[in-house]
PDB file of N, CA and C in Angstrom:
ATOM      1  N   MET A   1     -55.447  -4.689  -7.383  1.00  0.00           N
ATOM      2  CA  MET A   1     -55.972  -5.602  -8.372  1.00  0.00           C
ATOM      3  C   MET A   1     -55.750  -7.028  -7.874  1.00  0.00           C
ATOM      4  N   ALA A   2     -56.777  -7.820  -7.923  1.00  0.00           N
ATOM      5  CA  ALA A   2     -56.682  -9.209  -7.459  1.00  0.00           C
ATOM      6  C   ALA A   2     -55.964 -10.058  -8.503  1.00  0.00           C
ATOM      7  N   VAL A   3     -55.236 -11.024  -8.015  1.00  0.00           N
ATOM      8  CA  VAL A   3     -54.500 -11.936  -8.886  1.00  0.00           C
ATOM      9  C   VAL A   3     -55.394 -13.126  -9.197  1.00  0.00           C
ATOM     10  N   SER A   4     -55.524 -13.449 -10.490  1.00  0.00           N
ATOM     11  CA  SER A   4     -56.316 -14.617 -10.843  1.00  0.00           C
ATOM     12  C   SER A   4     -55.547 -15.873 -10.441  1.00  0.00           C
ATOM     13  N   GLN A   5     -56.273 -16.953 -10.234  1.00  0.00           N
ATOM     14  CA  GLN A   5     -55.636 -18.186  -9.781  1.00  0.00           C
ATOM     15  C   GLN A   5     -54.748 -18.800 -10.858  1.00  0.00           C
ATOM     16  N   LYS A   6     -54.999 -18.510 -12.137  1.00  0.00           N
ATOM     17  CA  LYS A   6     -54.200 -19.080 -13.220  1.00  0.00           C
ATOM     18  C   LYS A   6     -52.926 -18.272 -13.471  1.00  0.00           C
ATOM     19  N   GLU A   7     -52.935 -17.015 -13.096  1.00  0.00           N
ATOM     20  CA  GLU A   7     -51.789 -16.154 -13.337  1.00  0.00           C
ATOM     21  C   GLU A   7     -50.661 -16.490 -12.360  1.00  0.00           C
ATOM     22  N   GLN A   8     -49.459 -16.627 -12.900  1.00  0.00           N
ATOM     23  CA  GLN A   8     -48.302 -16.964 -12.075  1.00  0.00           C
ATOM     24  C   GLN A   8     -47.314 -15.800 -12.095  1.00  0.00           C
ATOM     25  N   PRO A   9     -46.652 -15.534 -10.976  1.00  0.00           N
ATOM     26  CA  PRO A   9     -45.647 -14.471 -10.968  1.00  0.00           C
ATOM     27  C   PRO A   9     -44.433 -14.887 -11.799  1.00  0.00           C
ATOM     28  N   ASP A  10     -43.737 -13.900 -12.323  1.00  0.00           N
ATOM     29  CA  ASP A  10     -42.519 -14.140 -13.090  1.00  0.00           C
ATOM     30  C   ASP A  10     -41.425 -14.573 -12.108  1.00  0.00           C
ATOM     31  N   PRO A  11     -40.909 -15.794 -12.233  1.00  0.00           N
ATOM     32  CA  PRO A  11     -39.907 -16.292 -11.281  1.00  0.00           C
ATOM     33  C   PRO A  11     -38.657 -15.422 -11.199  1.00  0.00           C
ATOM     34  N   ARG A  12     -38.279 -14.801 -12.316  1.00  0.00           N
ATOM     35  CA  ARG A  12     -37.096 -13.926 -12.302  1.00  0.00           C
ATOM     36  C   ARG A  12     -37.362 -12.684 -11.467  1.00  0.00           C
ATOM     37  N   ARG A  13     -38.573 -12.169 -11.561  1.00  0.00           N
ATOM     38  CA  ARG A  13     -38.909 -10.968 -10.791  1.00  0.00           C
ATOM     39  C   ARG A  13     -39.037 -11.301  -9.303  1.00  0.00           C
ATOM     40  N   VAL A  14     -39.557 -12.475  -9.002  1.00  0.00           N
ATOM     41  CA  VAL A  14     -39.628 -12.920  -7.600  1.00  0.00           C
ATOM     42  C   VAL A  14     -38.211 -13.019  -7.041  1.00  0.00           C
ATOM     43  N   ALA A  15     -37.294 -13.569  -7.826  1.00  0.00           N
ATOM     44  CA  ALA A  15     -35.906 -13.698  -7.385  1.00  0.00           C
ATOM     45  C   ALA A  15     -35.274 -12.329  -7.135  1.00  0.00           C
ATOM     46  N   VAL A  16     -35.597 -11.365  -7.978  1.00  0.00           N
ATOM     47  CA  VAL A  16     -35.070 -10.009  -7.786  1.00  0.00           C
ATOM     48  C   VAL A  16     -35.566  -9.443  -6.463  1.00  0.00           C
ATOM     49  N   LEU A  17     -36.852  -9.573  -6.204  1.00  0.00           N
ATOM     50  CA  LEU A  17     -37.381  -9.057  -4.940  1.00  0.00           C
ATOM     51  C   LEU A  17     -36.716  -9.733  -3.742  1.00  0.00           C
ATOM     52  N   ARG A  18     -36.529 -11.021  -3.827  1.00  0.00           N
ATOM     53  CA  ARG A  18     -35.904 -11.758  -2.724  1.00  0.00           C
ATOM     54  C   ARG A  18     -34.457 -11.345  -2.506  1.00  0.00           C
ATOM     55  N   SER A  19     -33.790 -10.904  -3.560  1.00  0.00           N
ATOM     56  CA  SER A  19     -32.373 -10.554  -3.455  1.00  0.00           C
ATOM     57  C   SER A  19     -32.135  -9.147  -2.906  1.00  0.00           C
ATOM     58  N   LEU A  20     -33.191  -8.362  -2.781  1.00  0.00           N
ATOM     59  CA  LEU A  20     -33.029  -6.993  -2.275  1.00  0.00           C
ATOM     60  C   LEU A  20     -32.631  -7.003  -0.802  1.00  0.00           C
ATOM     61  N   PRO A  21     -31.910  -5.963  -0.377  1.00  0.00           N
ATOM     62  CA  PRO A  21     -31.576  -5.850   1.048  1.00  0.00           C
ATOM     63  C   PRO A  21     -32.853  -5.774   1.901  1.00  0.00           C
ATOM     64  N   LEU A  22     -32.777  -6.304   3.099  1.00  0.00           N
ATOM     65  CA  LEU A  22     -33.931  -6.359   3.994  1.00  0.00           C
ATOM     66  C   LEU A  22     -34.565  -4.988   4.203  1.00  0.00           C
ATOM     67  N   GLU A  23     -33.752  -3.944   4.360  1.00  0.00           N
ATOM     68  CA  GLU A  23     -34.308  -2.611   4.619  1.00  0.00           C
ATOM     69  C   GLU A  23     -35.125  -2.099   3.441  1.00  0.00           C
ATOM     70  N   VAL A  24     -34.812  -2.553   2.234  1.00  0.00           N
ATOM     71  CA  VAL A  24     -35.601  -2.169   1.059  1.00  0.00           C
ATOM     72  C   VAL A  24     -36.877  -3.005   1.016  1.00  0.00           C
ATOM     73  N   LYS A  25     -36.753  -4.310   1.225  1.00  0.00           N
ATOM     74  CA  LYS A  25     -37.928  -5.197   1.194  1.00  0.00           C
ATOM     75  C   LYS A  25     -38.972  -4.767   2.217  1.00  0.00           C
ATOM     76  N   GLU A  26     -38.535  -4.296   3.369  1.00  0.00           N
ATOM     77  CA  GLU A  26     -39.481  -3.890   4.412  1.00  0.00           C
ATOM     78  C   GLU A  26     -40.297  -2.672   4.001  1.00  0.00           C
ATOM     79  N   GLN A  27     -39.803  -1.895   3.057  1.00  0.00           N
ATOM     80  CA  GLN A  27     -40.500  -0.676   2.620  1.00  0.00           C
ATOM     81  C   GLN A  27     -41.502  -0.939   1.498  1.00  0.00           C
ATOM     82  N   ILE A  28     -41.396  -2.087   0.841  1.00  0.00           N
ATOM     83  CA  ILE A  28     -42.255  -2.380  -0.307  1.00  0.00           C
ATOM     84  C   ILE A  28     -43.599  -2.918   0.166  1.00  0.00           C
ATOM     85  N   THR A  29     -44.663  -2.309  -0.337  1.00  0.00           N
ATOM     86  CA  THR A  29     -46.010  -2.751   0.030  1.00  0.00           C
ATOM     87  C   THR A  29     -46.394  -3.984  -0.781  1.00  0.00           C
ATOM     88  N   GLY A  30     -47.425  -4.671  -0.347  1.00  0.00           N
ATOM     89  CA  GLY A  30     -47.922  -5.833  -1.065  1.00  0.00           C
ATOM     90  C   GLY A  30     -48.366  -5.479  -2.471  1.00  0.00           C
ATOM     91  N   GLU A  31     -49.010  -4.343  -2.620  1.00  0.00           N
ATOM     92  CA  GLU A  31     -49.475  -3.903  -3.938  1.00  0.00           C
ATOM     93  C   GLU A  31     -48.287  -3.635  -4.864  1.00  0.00           C
ATOM     94  N   GLU A  32     -47.238  -3.022  -4.337  1.00  0.00           N
ATOM     95  CA  GLU A  32     -46.048  -2.746  -5.136  1.00  0.00           C
ATOM     96  C   GLU A  32     -45.365  -4.050  -5.549  1.00  0.00           C
ATOM     97  N   ALA A  33     -45.240  -4.971  -4.605  1.00  0.00           N
ATOM     98  CA  ALA A  33     -44.602  -6.260  -4.896  1.00  0.00           C
ATOM     99  C   ALA A  33     -45.397  -7.021  -5.951  1.00  0.00           C
ATOM    100  N   GLU A  34     -46.708  -7.004  -5.841  1.00  0.00           N
ATOM    101  CA  GLU A  34     -47.560  -7.696  -6.808  1.00  0.00           C
ATOM    102  C   GLU A  34     -47.389  -7.103  -8.200  1.00  0.00           C
ATOM    103  N   ALA A  35     -47.369  -5.781  -8.294  1.00  0.00           N
ATOM    104  CA  ALA A  35     -47.187  -5.130  -9.592  1.00  0.00           C
ATOM    105  C   ALA A  35     -45.859  -5.546 -10.214  1.00  0.00           C
ATOM    106  N   PHE A  36     -44.808  -5.625  -9.407  1.00  0.00           N
ATOM    107  CA  PHE A  36     -43.495  -6.008  -9.911  1.00  0.00           C
ATOM    108  C   PHE A  36     -43.475  -7.470 -10.342  1.00  0.00           C
ATOM    109  N   MET A  37     -43.971  -8.364  -9.502  1.00  0.00           N
ATOM    110  CA  MET A  37     -43.909  -9.800  -9.795  1.00  0.00           C
ATOM    111  C   MET A  37     -44.760 -10.204 -10.994  1.00  0.00           C
ATOM    112  N   TYR A  38     -45.866  -9.484 -11.211  1.00  0.00           N
ATOM    113  CA  TYR A  38     -46.779  -9.833 -12.297  1.00  0.00           C
ATOM    114  C   TYR A  38     -46.602  -8.925 -13.515  1.00  0.00           C
ATOM    115  N   ASN A  39     -45.458  -8.217 -13.547  1.00  0.00           N
ATOM    116  CA  ASN A  39     -45.071  -7.405 -14.705  1.00  0.00           C
ATOM    117  C   ASN A  39     -46.154  -6.409 -15.098  1.00  0.00           C
ATOM    118  N   ARG A  40     -46.694  -5.721 -14.107  1.00  0.00           N
ATOM    119  CA  ARG A  40     -47.695  -4.675 -14.355  1.00  0.00           C
ATOM    120  C   ARG A  40     -47.005  -3.318 -14.291  1.00  0.00           C
ATOM    121  N   GLU A  41     -47.749  -2.284 -14.595  1.00  0.00           N
ATOM    122  CA  GLU A  41     -47.181  -0.937 -14.504  1.00  0.00           C
ATOM    123  C   GLU A  41     -46.746  -0.685 -13.058  1.00  0.00           C
ATOM    124  N   LEU A  42     -45.498  -0.250 -12.895  1.00  0.00           N
ATOM    125  CA  LEU A  42     -44.961  -0.053 -11.554  1.00  0.00           C
ATOM    126  C   LEU A  42     -45.351   1.306 -11.016  1.00  0.00           C
ATOM    127  N   PRO A  43     -45.824   1.333  -9.768  1.00  0.00           N
ATOM    128  CA  PRO A  43     -46.158   2.613  -9.153  1.00  0.00           C
ATOM    129  C   PRO A  43     -44.893   3.457  -8.968  1.00  0.00           C
ATOM    130  N   ASP A  44     -45.051   4.772  -9.049  1.00  0.00           N
ATOM    131  CA  ASP A  44     -43.916   5.674  -8.843  1.00  0.00           C
ATOM    132  C   ASP A  44     -43.259   5.440  -7.496  1.00  0.00           C
ATOM    133  N   SER A  45     -44.057   5.098  -6.483  1.00  0.00           N
ATOM    134  CA  SER A  45     -43.506   4.863  -5.146  1.00  0.00           C
ATOM    135  C   SER A  45     -42.518   3.701  -5.154  1.00  0.00           C
ATOM    136  N   LEU A  46     -42.809   2.658  -5.936  1.00  0.00           N
ATOM    137  CA  LEU A  46     -41.904   1.519  -6.023  1.00  0.00           C
ATOM    138  C   LEU A  46     -40.659   1.888  -6.820  1.00  0.00           C
ATOM    139  N   LEU A  47     -40.833   2.615  -7.896  1.00  0.00           N
ATOM    140  CA  LEU A  47     -39.681   3.041  -8.686  1.00  0.00           C
ATOM    141  C   LEU A  47     -38.716   3.860  -7.841  1.00  0.00           C
ATOM    142  N   GLU A  48     -39.249   4.692  -6.989  1.00  0.00           N
ATOM    143  CA  GLU A  48     -38.408   5.497  -6.098  1.00  0.00           C
ATOM    144  C   GLU A  48     -37.634   4.597  -5.133  1.00  0.00           C
ATOM    145  N   LYS A  49     -38.286   3.600  -4.586  1.00  0.00           N
ATOM    146  CA  LYS A  49     -37.633   2.686  -3.642  1.00  0.00           C
ATOM    147  C   LYS A  49     -36.556   1.841  -4.313  1.00  0.00           C
ATOM    148  N   LEU A  50     -36.744   1.551  -5.597  1.00  0.00           N
ATOM    149  CA  LEU A  50     -35.817   0.675  -6.317  1.00  0.00           C
ATOM    150  C   LEU A  50     -34.824   1.422  -7.196  1.00  0.00           C
ATOM    151  N   LYS A  51     -34.827   2.742  -7.142  1.00  0.00           N
ATOM    152  CA  LYS A  51     -34.013   3.528  -8.082  1.00  0.00           C
ATOM    153  C   LYS A  51     -32.533   3.157  -8.060  1.00  0.00           C
ATOM    154  N   ASP A  52     -32.003   2.738  -6.927  1.00  0.00           N
ATOM    155  CA  ASP A  52     -30.588   2.375  -6.843  1.00  0.00           C
ATOM    156  C   ASP A  52     -30.311   0.972  -7.381  1.00  0.00           C
ATOM    157  N   TYR A  53     -31.371   0.224  -7.707  1.00  0.00           N
ATOM    158  CA  TYR A  53     -31.221  -1.164  -8.143  1.00  0.00           C
ATOM    159  C   TYR A  53     -31.674  -1.395  -9.582  1.00  0.00           C
ATOM    160  N   LEU A  54     -32.264  -0.382 -10.203  1.00  0.00           N
ATOM    161  CA  LEU A  54     -32.769  -0.521 -11.562  1.00  0.00           C
ATOM    162  C   LEU A  54     -31.797   0.085 -12.563  1.00  0.00           C
ATOM    163  N   THR A  55     -31.795  -0.442 -13.773  1.00  0.00           N
ATOM    164  CA  THR A  55     -31.002   0.128 -14.858  1.00  0.00           C
ATOM    165  C   THR A  55     -31.941   0.506 -15.989  1.00  0.00           C
ATOM    166  N   GLU A  56     -31.511   1.453 -16.779  1.00  0.00           N
ATOM    167  CA  GLU A  56     -32.289   1.878 -17.940  1.00  0.00           C
ATOM    168  C   GLU A  56     -32.160   0.835 -19.033  1.00  0.00           C
ATOM    169  N   ASP A  57     -33.264   0.540 -19.708  1.00  0.00           N
ATOM    170  CA  ASP A  57     -33.211  -0.350 -20.873  1.00  0.00           C
ATOM    171  C   ASP A  57     -32.592   0.421 -22.026  1.00  0.00           C
ATOM    172  N   GLU A  58     -31.621  -0.164 -22.665  1.00  0.00           N
ATOM    173  CA  GLU A  58     -31.014   0.434 -23.835  1.00  0.00           C
ATOM    174  C   GLU A  58     -31.588  -0.239 -25.062  1.00  0.00           C
ATOM    175  N   GLN A  59     -32.276   0.527 -25.920  1.00  0.00           N
ATOM    176  CA  GLN A  59     -32.926  -0.058 -27.089  1.00  0.00           C
ATOM    177  C   GLN A  59     -32.332   0.455 -28.356  1.00  0.00           C
TER     178      GLN A  59
END
């Protein structure tokens, strides 16, 4: 999905991606990174790569 020019990535999510270990960042595709930064539905492939870094939301 193309990013519109007015849409901005969530700075907190960008910071999270930047803070990941290099070996994890190298495995993330551009499409996966875009979905994460723009708060879209995350692909299962990305969830698998980030499983050690994500926590469950407690509601």
